[in-house]
Protein backbone atom coordinates (compact mmCIF):
# COMPACT_ATOMS: atom_id res chain seq x y z
CA MET A 1 -34.79 -22.40 -15.02
CA GLY A 2 -35.48 -25.52 -17.07
CA ARG A 3 -32.88 -27.40 -19.01
CA GLU A 4 -34.25 -26.20 -22.35
CA ASP A 5 -33.80 -22.57 -21.24
CA ARG A 6 -30.01 -22.96 -21.09
CA PHE A 7 -29.63 -23.85 -24.74
CA GLU A 8 -30.59 -21.81 -27.75
CA ARG A 9 -31.97 -23.54 -30.79
CA ARG A 10 -29.69 -23.02 -33.75
CA ASP A 11 -30.85 -22.25 -37.23
CA PRO A 12 -30.05 -25.34 -39.35
CA SER A 13 -29.01 -23.17 -42.31
CA PRO A 14 -25.51 -21.71 -42.13
CA SER A 15 -25.46 -18.01 -41.30
CA PHE A 16 -22.37 -17.35 -43.40
CA GLU A 17 -21.86 -17.34 -47.14
CA LYS A 18 -18.78 -18.67 -48.86
CA ASN A 19 -17.00 -16.20 -51.05
CA MET A 20 -16.79 -17.60 -54.54
CA PHE A 21 -14.10 -16.57 -57.01
CA THR A 22 -14.22 -16.64 -60.79
CA ALA A 23 -11.53 -18.69 -62.53
CA VAL A 24 -10.80 -20.36 -65.85
CA CYS A 25 -10.34 -24.15 -65.87
CA ALA A 26 -6.75 -25.07 -66.70
CA LYS A 27 -7.88 -28.17 -68.57
CA CYS A 28 -10.97 -27.26 -70.61
CA GLY A 29 -10.88 -23.43 -70.49
CA VAL A 30 -14.43 -22.97 -69.21
CA ARG A 31 -15.17 -20.15 -66.76
CA CYS A 32 -16.10 -21.47 -63.34
CA GLU A 33 -16.47 -20.44 -59.71
CA VAL A 34 -14.33 -21.86 -56.94
CA PRO A 35 -14.58 -21.45 -53.13
CA PHE A 36 -10.96 -20.23 -52.82
CA LYS A 37 -8.92 -17.39 -54.23
CA PRO A 38 -6.88 -18.75 -57.15
CA THR A 39 -3.15 -18.07 -57.01
CA SER A 40 -0.87 -17.69 -59.97
CA GLY A 41 1.17 -20.74 -60.85
CA LYS A 42 -1.39 -23.24 -59.53
CA PRO A 43 -3.93 -24.75 -61.91
CA VAL A 44 -7.63 -24.41 -61.19
CA PHE A 45 -10.09 -26.99 -62.51
CA CYS A 46 -13.84 -26.79 -63.01
CA SER A 47 -15.84 -29.36 -61.06
CA ASP A 48 -16.15 -31.69 -64.08
CA CYS A 49 -12.41 -31.74 -64.83
CA PHE A 50 -11.56 -31.99 -61.14
CA ARG A 51 -13.83 -35.02 -60.81
CA LYS A 52 -12.31 -36.64 -63.92
CA ASN A 53 -8.76 -36.09 -62.60
CA ASP A 54 -9.76 -37.59 -59.26
CA ASP A 55 -11.23 -40.66 -60.96
CA HIS A 56 -8.01 -41.30 -62.91
CA GLY A 57 -5.92 -41.07 -59.77
CA SER A 58 -7.83 -43.93 -58.19
CA GLU A 59 -7.01 -46.25 -61.10
CA ARG A 60 -3.31 -46.43 -60.31
CA SER A 61 -2.03 -49.95 -60.16
CA ALA A 62 -0.06 -51.41 -57.29
CA PRO A 63 3.73 -51.49 -57.67
CA SER A 64 5.08 -54.56 -59.40
CA ARG A 65 7.24 -57.12 -57.63
CA SER A 66 10.38 -55.69 -59.26
CA GLU A 67 9.41 -52.14 -58.23
CA LEU A 68 8.89 -53.28 -54.63
CA GLY A 69 12.27 -55.02 -54.74
CA GLU A 70 13.93 -51.80 -55.91
CA ILE A 71 12.19 -49.81 -53.16
CA ASN A 72 13.33 -52.32 -50.53
CA ARG A 73 16.90 -52.24 -51.86
CA LYS A 74 16.98 -48.45 -51.59
CA LEU A 75 15.46 -48.53 -48.10
CA ASP A 76 18.12 -51.04 -47.02
CA GLN A 77 20.83 -48.66 -48.29
CA ILE A 78 19.28 -45.73 -46.40
CA MET A 79 18.96 -47.77 -43.20
CA LYS A 80 22.59 -48.89 -43.52
CA ALA A 81 23.75 -45.31 -44.07
CA LEU A 82 21.79 -44.16 -41.02
CA ASP A 83 22.98 -47.17 -39.00
CA ILE A 84 19.41 -48.36 -38.42
CA ARG A 85 18.82 -52.07 -37.91
């Protein structure tokens, strides 16, 4: 038995299909298909709105010096309360 006999060649295309579900975009109202079952109470976005939301999230600025100072002050209080040095 040769080495190539022990392994089967796999089909490069997936043998399964994703179930797609119809939804309405919470932002623009367009009907779209998503690869998960939408649940009530959670917004669903079409691919365009999802991409736009993702782009805006990456534009967040770093915390300012005063914000970092406030964070450090609060962390010091927590560490003191927990007796961590």
